[in-house]
Structures are given as structure tokens and as C-alpha cells.
Protein backbone atom coordinates (compact mmCIF):
# COMPACT_ATOMS: atom_id res chain seq x y z
CA MET A 1 3.86 0.47 -6.86
CA THR A 2 0.20 -1.24 -7.65
CA LEU A 3 -0.89 -2.45 -11.07
CA LEU A 4 -4.48 -2.00 -11.96
CA THR A 5 -5.86 -4.20 -14.68
CA TYR A 6 -9.04 -2.93 -16.19
CA ARG A 7 -11.74 -4.20 -18.55
CA ASP A 8 -14.24 -2.22 -20.15
CA GLY A 9 -13.09 0.62 -18.41
CA ARG A 10 -13.50 -0.63 -14.98
CA PRO A 11 -10.92 -2.21 -12.58
CA VAL A 12 -11.17 -5.57 -12.46
CA GLY A 13 -7.81 -6.52 -10.51
CA VAL A 14 -4.88 -5.48 -8.68
CA GLN A 15 -1.30 -6.54 -8.30
CA ALA A 16 1.81 -5.17 -6.23
CA VAL A 17 5.42 -4.72 -7.84
CA THR A 18 8.40 -3.74 -6.15
CA LEU A 19 11.45 -2.51 -8.19
CA GLN A 20 14.76 -3.19 -6.12
CA THR A 21 17.82 -0.86 -5.96
CA THR A 22 19.38 -3.83 -7.71
CA GLY A 23 17.11 -3.67 -10.71
CA VAL A 24 15.07 -6.84 -9.51
CA PHE A 25 11.54 -6.92 -9.92
CA GLU A 26 9.24 -8.56 -7.47
CA VAL A 27 5.63 -9.24 -8.51
CA GLY A 28 2.74 -10.02 -6.19
CA ASP A 29 -0.06 -12.31 -6.78
CA PHE A 30 -2.71 -10.88 -8.90
CA VAL A 31 -5.81 -10.09 -7.11
CA VAL A 32 -9.41 -10.02 -8.63
CA LEU A 33 -11.84 -7.37 -7.58
CA SER A 34 -15.23 -7.99 -7.53
CA VAL A 35 -16.84 -4.85 -9.12
CA ALA A 36 -20.82 -4.51 -8.81
CA ASP A 37 -22.62 -2.74 -11.47
CA ALA A 38 -22.12 1.25 -11.43
CA PRO A 39 -24.93 2.73 -9.68
CA ASP A 40 -26.87 5.77 -11.30
CA GLN A 41 -25.72 8.21 -8.92
CA ALA A 42 -22.11 7.65 -6.92
CA ASP A 43 -22.38 7.14 -3.08
CA PRO A 44 -21.52 10.57 -1.45
CA ALA A 45 -20.09 8.56 1.48
CA LEU A 46 -17.35 7.18 -0.94
CA GLY A 47 -16.14 10.66 -1.58
CA GLY A 48 -17.76 10.64 -5.16
CA ASP A 49 -20.26 12.87 -6.94
CA VAL A 50 -22.63 12.53 -9.54
CA MET A 51 -20.31 12.77 -12.59
CA GLY A 52 -17.78 10.17 -11.00
CA GLY A 53 -15.28 12.84 -9.68
CA ARG A 54 -13.51 12.79 -6.37
CA SER A 55 -13.47 15.78 -4.18
């Protein structure tokens, strides 16, 4: 699975976590996301709408 870390309502990082059938967790490196300021309207090319939903 992937953990998403949020700050002020925006995603700022991701980290892979795997749970083995033996109960052992394997945790990947934390990767910082570079998030630009939110535009006034979502980019239709990304599948979003003005309200931020997904089609």
C-alpha cells in the first residue's frame, strides 16, 4: 500500500508500505512531493472539474 502524507489539506509526500504474510512490515523511503499552488480551475486534461472532482 502507499501512505500519503498531507499538510494543510494538500499531499506532500508518499511512502510505500508492504505487510508480509509473516506480519513483518517493509517500509520504503519517504518521497517528498513538489506541489504547485492550486490553480483557480482544475486542468481538464487531468480529469478534474472546477470543483476538484474526478470524472
